[in-house]
Structure formats: structure tokens, C-alpha cells
Amino acid sequence: MKTCPNCGETVPLRAKQCPNCGQLLGGSSRQNRHWLRALTPTEIFLLVLGSLMLGVFLVAL
């Protein structure tokens, strides 16, 4: 058994998600590094648009 870092409940060793609070448990660092590949085109567009808008705001100061 292991402990959920979010709610403190004990969960089975092979659990990927806490049954109590839904927190994802023990994802590999390789999956965490490739979060950009999981984004949809809309999410990428919004990230780019937000960055451009921030840049325009900072230049306008």
C-alpha cells in the first residue's frame, strides 16, 4: 500500500489514480516531460496567442 500525496488515503500499489480524490499517482517522469505532445491544436493556438498578447502588453509599457 502507498499513500496518496493529495488526500493521505492509502491506495493499492498498482493504482494509477487515488480512488478517494482522483489524484493521479506516480506517473513516470518521461510522460511528464512530453506534455506538449498531448496538446490539441486549439490549446497550442491559445498558448501562442497568449504569449503574443503578453509580449505586446510588455512592449506597450
N, C-alpha and C. Protein backbone atom coordinates (compact mmCIF):
# COMPACT_ATOMS: atom_id res chain seq x y z
N MET A 1 0.85 -1.18 0.00
CA MET A 1 0.00 0.00 0.00
C MET A 1 0.89 1.24 0.00
N LYS A 2 0.38 2.29 -0.68
CA LYS A 2 1.07 3.58 -0.68
C LYS A 2 0.06 4.65 -0.29
N THR A 3 0.57 5.84 -0.04
CA THR A 3 -0.28 6.92 0.43
C THR A 3 -0.46 7.96 -0.67
N CYS A 4 -1.66 8.44 -0.83
CA CYS A 4 -1.96 9.50 -1.80
C CYS A 4 -1.37 10.80 -1.30
N PRO A 5 -0.59 11.51 -2.14
CA PRO A 5 0.01 12.78 -1.70
C PRO A 5 -1.02 13.90 -1.54
N ASN A 6 -2.20 13.73 -2.12
CA ASN A 6 -3.21 14.78 -2.07
C ASN A 6 -4.11 14.66 -0.84
N CYS A 7 -4.66 13.47 -0.60
CA CYS A 7 -5.63 13.33 0.49
C CYS A 7 -5.13 12.47 1.66
N GLY A 8 -4.02 11.75 1.48
CA GLY A 8 -3.47 10.95 2.57
C GLY A 8 -4.06 9.56 2.70
N GLU A 9 -5.00 9.18 1.85
CA GLU A 9 -5.59 7.84 1.89
C GLU A 9 -4.58 6.80 1.43
N THR A 10 -4.70 5.59 1.92
CA THR A 10 -3.87 4.51 1.43
C THR A 10 -4.51 3.93 0.18
N VAL A 11 -3.68 3.67 -0.82
CA VAL A 11 -4.15 3.13 -2.09
C VAL A 11 -3.30 1.92 -2.46
N PRO A 12 -3.82 1.00 -3.26
CA PRO A 12 -3.04 -0.15 -3.68
C PRO A 12 -1.80 0.27 -4.47
N LEU A 13 -0.76 -0.56 -4.43
CA LEU A 13 0.50 -0.24 -5.09
C LEU A 13 0.34 -0.04 -6.59
N ARG A 14 -0.51 -0.81 -7.24
CA ARG A 14 -0.65 -0.73 -8.70
C ARG A 14 -1.64 0.33 -9.16
N ALA A 15 -2.24 1.04 -8.23
CA ALA A 15 -3.22 2.07 -8.59
C ALA A 15 -2.54 3.23 -9.29
N LYS A 16 -3.16 3.71 -10.37
CA LYS A 16 -2.64 4.86 -11.08
C LYS A 16 -3.36 6.14 -10.67
N GLN A 17 -4.50 5.96 -9.99
CA GLN A 17 -5.30 7.10 -9.56
C GLN A 17 -5.89 6.79 -8.19
N CYS A 18 -5.93 7.79 -7.33
CA CYS A 18 -6.49 7.61 -6.00
C CYS A 18 -8.00 7.40 -6.11
N PRO A 19 -8.53 6.31 -5.53
CA PRO A 19 -9.98 6.08 -5.60
C PRO A 19 -10.78 7.07 -4.76
N ASN A 20 -10.13 7.74 -3.83
CA ASN A 20 -10.84 8.67 -2.95
C ASN A 20 -10.97 10.06 -3.58
N CYS A 21 -9.84 10.63 -4.05
CA CYS A 21 -9.88 12.01 -4.54
C CYS A 21 -9.62 12.14 -6.04
N GLY A 22 -9.15 11.08 -6.70
CA GLY A 22 -8.93 11.12 -8.13
C GLY A 22 -7.55 11.62 -8.54
N GLN A 23 -6.67 11.89 -7.59
CA GLN A 23 -5.32 12.36 -7.88
C GLN A 23 -4.54 11.29 -8.64
N LEU A 24 -3.86 11.69 -9.73
CA LEU A 24 -3.02 10.76 -10.46
C LEU A 24 -1.79 10.45 -9.62
N LEU A 25 -1.40 9.18 -9.59
CA LEU A 25 -0.30 8.75 -8.75
C LEU A 25 0.86 8.23 -9.57
N GLY A 26 2.05 8.61 -9.21
CA GLY A 26 3.28 8.01 -9.70
C GLY A 26 3.44 7.95 -11.19
N GLY A 27 3.08 8.98 -11.94
CA GLY A 27 3.33 9.00 -13.36
C GLY A 27 4.83 9.02 -13.61
N SER A 28 5.27 8.38 -14.65
CA SER A 28 6.71 8.37 -14.92
C SER A 28 7.16 9.75 -15.37
N SER A 29 8.41 10.06 -15.12
CA SER A 29 8.93 11.37 -15.49
C SER A 29 8.99 11.53 -17.00
N ARG A 30 9.07 10.43 -17.72
CA ARG A 30 9.09 10.50 -19.18
C ARG A 30 7.75 11.04 -19.70
N GLN A 31 6.66 10.59 -19.12
CA GLN A 31 5.35 11.09 -19.52
C GLN A 31 5.20 12.56 -19.16
N ASN A 32 5.76 12.95 -18.03
CA ASN A 32 5.65 14.35 -17.60
C ASN A 32 6.43 15.29 -18.51
N ARG A 33 7.50 14.81 -19.13
CA ARG A 33 8.33 15.65 -19.99
C ARG A 33 7.68 15.90 -21.34
N HIS A 34 6.78 15.06 -21.76
CA HIS A 34 6.20 15.17 -23.10
C HIS A 34 4.76 15.68 -23.05
N TRP A 35 4.50 16.61 -22.17
CA TRP A 35 3.15 17.14 -22.04
C TRP A 35 2.77 17.94 -23.27
N LEU A 36 3.73 18.54 -23.95
CA LEU A 36 3.43 19.37 -25.11
C LEU A 36 2.84 18.54 -26.25
N ARG A 37 3.28 17.30 -26.39
CA ARG A 37 2.78 16.44 -27.47
C ARG A 37 1.31 16.05 -27.27
N ALA A 38 0.82 16.15 -26.05
CA ALA A 38 -0.56 15.76 -25.77
C ALA A 38 -1.55 16.91 -25.99
N LEU A 39 -1.05 18.11 -26.32
CA LEU A 39 -1.94 19.25 -26.51
C LEU A 39 -2.67 19.18 -27.84
N THR A 40 -3.88 19.67 -27.84
CA THR A 40 -4.66 19.75 -29.08
C THR A 40 -4.22 21.01 -29.84
N PRO A 41 -4.53 21.09 -31.13
CA PRO A 41 -4.19 22.30 -31.89
C PRO A 41 -4.80 23.57 -31.30
N THR A 42 -5.98 23.47 -30.75
CA THR A 42 -6.61 24.64 -30.12
C THR A 42 -5.82 25.10 -28.91
N GLU A 43 -5.35 24.16 -28.10
CA GLU A 43 -4.57 24.52 -26.92
C GLU A 43 -3.24 25.15 -27.32
N ILE A 44 -2.61 24.63 -28.36
CA ILE A 44 -1.35 25.21 -28.85
C ILE A 44 -1.60 26.62 -29.36
N PHE A 45 -2.68 26.81 -30.12
CA PHE A 45 -3.03 28.14 -30.62
C PHE A 45 -3.21 29.12 -29.46
N LEU A 46 -3.91 28.70 -28.43
CA LEU A 46 -4.15 29.59 -27.29
C LEU A 46 -2.87 29.90 -26.53
N LEU A 47 -1.96 28.94 -26.44
CA LEU A 47 -0.66 29.20 -25.80
C LEU A 47 0.13 30.24 -26.59
N VAL A 48 0.15 30.09 -27.91
CA VAL A 48 0.87 31.03 -28.76
C VAL A 48 0.22 32.41 -28.70
N LEU A 49 -1.09 32.45 -28.81
CA LEU A 49 -1.82 33.73 -28.75
C LEU A 49 -1.58 34.43 -27.42
N GLY A 50 -1.64 33.68 -26.33
CA GLY A 50 -1.40 34.27 -25.02
C GLY A 50 0.00 34.82 -24.89
N SER A 51 0.98 34.11 -25.44
CA SER A 51 2.37 34.59 -25.40
C SER A 51 2.52 35.87 -26.21
N LEU A 52 1.90 35.90 -27.39
CA LEU A 52 1.97 37.11 -28.22
C LEU A 52 1.31 38.31 -27.53
N MET A 53 0.16 38.07 -26.93
CA MET A 53 -0.54 39.16 -26.23
C MET A 53 0.28 39.67 -25.04
N LEU A 54 0.94 38.77 -24.32
CA LEU A 54 1.80 39.18 -23.22
C LEU A 54 2.96 40.01 -23.74
N GLY A 55 3.56 39.59 -24.86
CA GLY A 55 4.65 40.34 -25.46
C GLY A 55 4.21 41.73 -25.89
N VAL A 56 3.05 41.83 -26.51
CA VAL A 56 2.52 43.14 -26.93
C VAL A 56 2.28 44.02 -25.72
N PHE A 57 1.74 43.47 -24.67
CA PHE A 57 1.49 44.24 -23.44
C PHE A 57 2.79 44.75 -22.85
N LEU A 58 3.81 43.89 -22.80
CA LEU A 58 5.08 44.30 -22.19
C LEU A 58 5.79 45.36 -23.03
N VAL A 59 5.67 45.28 -24.35
CA VAL A 59 6.29 46.28 -25.23
C VAL A 59 5.56 47.61 -25.09
N ALA A 60 4.26 47.57 -24.88
CA ALA A 60 3.46 48.79 -24.78
C ALA A 60 3.72 49.55 -23.49
N LEU A 61 4.32 48.91 -22.50
CA LEU A 61 4.58 49.61 -21.22
C LEU A 61 5.59 50.66 -21.41
